[in-house]
Amino acid sequence: MRKLLFSFLLVISIMFFLGCHTKSQIIIDKNSLKDYRNDELKITLKYPSYWKADTSLAYLGNQPSQYSGEDGFFALNILVDNNQDLEILVNKEAESGDYGLTPRIEKTIHNSKVCYYIFPSSDQSSSENKRCCFITELRTIYRDNGINYNILIIFADKGHIQKIIDTLEYLYI
């Protein structure tokens, strides 16, 4: 009995120290993902199939711009860069206060384009729901009411943002 208890405690300890189970880790079954497609923005991505569209919020083209479930969310927004460098726009977003006082900015390449993540600092307000964002240039200009939008922002909770962005693809139609 002692050996069994010792073995059990040893396995649990090893799992804890190796990070096999952390509170922020979210496992998404790839078979339970749903497609989001926006022909106007010319993007597709995948999200958990049990999340629902929030149809009370803004639409981008013919699609709702936010989906959520009990364990997370994603939302889309578009901006005009006004001839500013993308990095300047990213820094302005990071300094908005929505990500805490010292958010982490991570520059990366996605589909051959420079992109940025903003991850919150530990002092982010709980009302922000661990919101992070991914900022990139749209592959094609989105026109609405005479305004040319060229920046895509995807907001998502910290547990889902990387998994959602990993599925982001651009349509060439």
Protein backbone atom coordinates (compact mmCIF):
# COMPACT_ATOMS: atom_id res chain seq x y z
CA MET A 1 0.00 0.00 0.00
CA ARG A 2 2.84 2.41 0.84
CA LYS A 3 4.57 1.68 -2.47
CA LEU A 4 1.34 2.34 -4.34
CA LEU A 5 0.75 5.63 -2.50
CA PHE A 6 4.39 6.67 -3.01
CA SER A 7 4.20 5.82 -6.73
CA PHE A 8 0.98 7.79 -7.11
CA LEU A 9 2.43 10.85 -5.37
CA LEU A 10 5.61 10.60 -7.43
CA VAL A 11 3.67 10.56 -10.71
CA ILE A 12 1.53 13.54 -9.63
CA SER A 13 4.64 15.47 -8.59
CA ILE A 14 6.40 14.77 -11.88
CA MET A 15 3.32 15.88 -13.85
CA PHE A 16 3.15 19.08 -11.81
CA PHE A 17 6.80 19.97 -12.29
CA LEU A 18 6.84 19.14 -15.98
CA GLY A 19 3.77 21.27 -16.55
CA CYS A 20 1.63 18.48 -17.91
CA HIS A 21 -1.40 20.13 -16.34
CA THR A 22 -1.60 23.85 -15.81
CA LYS A 23 -4.61 25.93 -14.98
CA SER A 24 -4.26 28.12 -18.10
CA GLN A 25 -3.81 25.21 -20.51
CA ILE A 26 -6.85 24.73 -22.71
CA ILE A 27 -7.13 21.65 -24.85
CA ILE A 28 -9.15 22.03 -28.02
CA ASP A 29 -10.33 18.93 -29.80
CA LYS A 30 -9.56 19.64 -33.46
CA ASN A 31 -12.61 17.60 -34.45
CA SER A 32 -14.89 20.00 -32.57
CA LEU A 33 -13.78 23.18 -34.32
CA LYS A 34 -16.08 25.32 -36.39
CA ASP A 35 -15.09 27.41 -39.40
CA TYR A 36 -15.40 31.18 -39.41
CA ARG A 37 -15.23 32.59 -42.91
CA ASN A 38 -15.45 36.23 -43.85
CA ASP A 39 -15.37 36.79 -47.60
CA GLU A 40 -15.21 40.58 -47.24
CA LEU A 41 -12.07 40.42 -45.05
CA LYS A 42 -10.90 37.40 -47.03
CA ILE A 43 -10.02 35.33 -43.97
CA THR A 44 -10.93 32.02 -42.39
CA LEU A 45 -10.17 30.68 -38.94
CA LYS A 46 -11.40 27.99 -36.60
CA TYR A 47 -12.91 28.26 -33.13
CA PRO A 48 -14.58 25.86 -30.66
CA SER A 49 -17.88 24.68 -32.13
CA TYR A 50 -19.82 25.29 -28.91
CA TRP A 51 -19.09 29.04 -28.96
CA LYS A 52 -21.97 31.19 -30.16
CA ALA A 53 -22.05 34.38 -32.21
CA ASP A 54 -22.91 37.56 -30.34
CA THR A 55 -25.33 39.02 -32.86
CA SER A 56 -26.01 42.09 -30.70
CA LEU A 57 -22.55 43.46 -31.52
CA ALA A 58 -21.13 44.84 -34.75
CA TYR A 59 -20.85 42.84 -37.93
CA LEU A 60 -17.90 42.86 -40.30
CA GLY A 61 -19.32 42.39 -43.75
CA ASN A 62 -22.03 39.78 -43.40
CA GLN A 63 -20.55 38.04 -40.33
CA PRO A 64 -20.86 38.71 -36.59
CA SER A 65 -17.58 40.04 -35.24
CA GLN A 66 -17.57 38.23 -31.88
CA TYR A 67 -18.04 34.62 -30.74
CA SER A 68 -17.83 33.32 -27.20
CA GLY A 69 -18.42 30.45 -24.82
CA GLU A 70 -17.98 29.83 -21.11
CA ASP A 71 -14.25 29.21 -21.54
CA GLY A 72 -13.27 31.98 -23.94
CA PHE A 73 -13.96 34.26 -26.87
CA PHE A 74 -12.64 35.84 -30.02
CA ALA A 75 -13.56 39.14 -31.64
CA LEU A 76 -12.48 40.85 -34.84
CA ASN A 77 -11.85 44.50 -35.52
CA ILE A 78 -10.43 46.48 -38.43
CA LEU A 79 -8.50 49.74 -38.48
CA VAL A 80 -7.05 52.28 -40.87
CA ASP A 81 -3.31 52.70 -40.40
CA ASN A 82 -3.24 56.37 -41.57
CA ASN A 83 0.21 55.67 -43.05
CA GLN A 84 1.62 54.77 -39.63
CA ASP A 85 4.04 51.91 -39.18
CA LEU A 86 2.33 48.76 -37.88
CA GLU A 87 4.65 48.69 -34.88
CA ILE A 88 3.45 52.17 -33.84
CA LEU A 89 -0.18 50.99 -33.97
CA VAL A 90 0.72 47.94 -31.89
CA ASN A 91 2.42 50.09 -29.25
CA LYS A 92 -0.61 52.39 -29.08
CA GLU A 93 -2.89 49.40 -28.56
CA ALA A 94 -0.57 47.97 -25.87
CA GLU A 95 -0.51 51.34 -24.08
CA SER A 96 -4.33 51.56 -24.00
CA GLY A 97 -4.38 50.08 -20.50
CA ASP A 98 -6.61 47.18 -21.57
CA TYR A 99 -3.70 44.75 -21.17
CA GLY A 100 -2.40 45.98 -17.80
CA LEU A 101 0.52 48.28 -17.10
CA THR A 102 3.29 46.16 -18.64
CA PRO A 103 1.91 44.03 -21.48
CA ARG A 104 4.28 41.88 -23.51
CA ILE A 105 4.52 42.52 -27.25
CA GLU A 106 5.72 39.63 -29.38
CA LYS A 107 6.70 40.15 -33.02
CA THR A 108 6.22 37.15 -35.27
CA ILE A 109 5.75 36.05 -38.88
CA HIS A 110 2.42 34.60 -39.98
CA ASN A 111 1.80 33.62 -43.60
CA SER A 112 4.92 35.55 -44.68
CA LYS A 113 3.79 38.79 -42.99
CA VAL A 114 5.12 40.54 -39.90
CA CYS A 115 2.49 40.39 -37.15
CA TYR A 116 2.29 41.16 -33.45
CA TYR A 117 0.74 39.62 -30.36
CA ILE A 118 -0.03 41.61 -27.24
CA PHE A 119 -0.18 39.51 -24.07
CA PRO A 120 -1.51 41.02 -20.83
CA SER A 121 0.53 41.63 -17.71
CA SER A 122 -0.57 40.12 -14.41
CA ASP A 123 -2.24 43.38 -13.35
CA GLN A 124 -4.74 43.34 -16.25
CA SER A 125 -8.26 44.11 -15.04
CA SER A 126 -10.35 40.97 -14.54
CA SER A 127 -13.10 42.61 -16.62
CA GLU A 128 -10.85 42.18 -19.68
CA ASN A 129 -11.23 38.38 -19.43
CA LYS A 130 -7.48 37.73 -20.05
CA ARG A 131 -7.79 39.48 -23.40
CA CYS A 132 -4.86 39.31 -25.80
CA CYS A 133 -4.68 40.45 -29.38
CA PHE A 134 -3.07 39.66 -32.69
CA ILE A 135 -2.47 42.51 -35.14
CA THR A 136 -1.59 42.18 -38.81
CA GLU A 137 -2.18 43.83 -42.15
CA LEU A 138 -5.09 42.60 -44.23
CA ARG A 139 -4.01 41.06 -47.52
CA THR A 140 -6.55 43.17 -49.37
CA ILE A 141 -8.18 46.48 -48.47
CA TYR A 142 -11.65 46.24 -46.90
CA ARG A 143 -13.84 49.14 -48.05
CA ASP A 144 -16.81 50.31 -46.01
CA ASN A 145 -18.65 53.63 -46.42
CA GLY A 146 -15.77 55.09 -48.41
CA ILE A 147 -13.13 54.15 -45.81
CA ASN A 148 -10.27 51.80 -46.71
CA TYR A 149 -9.42 49.49 -43.78
CA ASN A 150 -6.14 47.62 -43.94
CA ILE A 151 -5.37 46.41 -40.38
CA LEU A 152 -6.91 43.30 -38.81
CA ILE A 153 -7.04 42.84 -35.05
CA ILE A 154 -8.13 39.55 -33.55
CA PHE A 155 -8.87 39.67 -29.83
CA ALA A 156 -9.11 36.43 -27.88
CA ASP A 157 -8.61 35.14 -24.38
CA LYS A 158 -5.10 34.06 -23.43
CA GLY A 159 -5.98 30.37 -23.49
CA HIS A 160 -7.27 30.39 -27.08
CA ILE A 161 -5.46 33.11 -29.01
CA GLN A 162 -2.55 31.01 -30.26
CA LYS A 163 -4.78 28.11 -31.26
CA ILE A 164 -7.11 30.43 -33.18
CA ILE A 165 -4.28 32.27 -34.94
CA ASP A 166 -2.70 28.93 -35.89
CA THR A 167 -5.83 28.32 -38.01
CA LEU A 168 -5.96 31.79 -39.59
CA GLU A 169 -5.76 31.66 -43.36
CA TYR A 170 -6.18 34.28 -46.05
CA LEU A 171 -8.52 33.78 -48.97
CA TYR A 172 -7.42 34.82 -52.41
CA ILE A 173 -10.75 35.18 -54.15
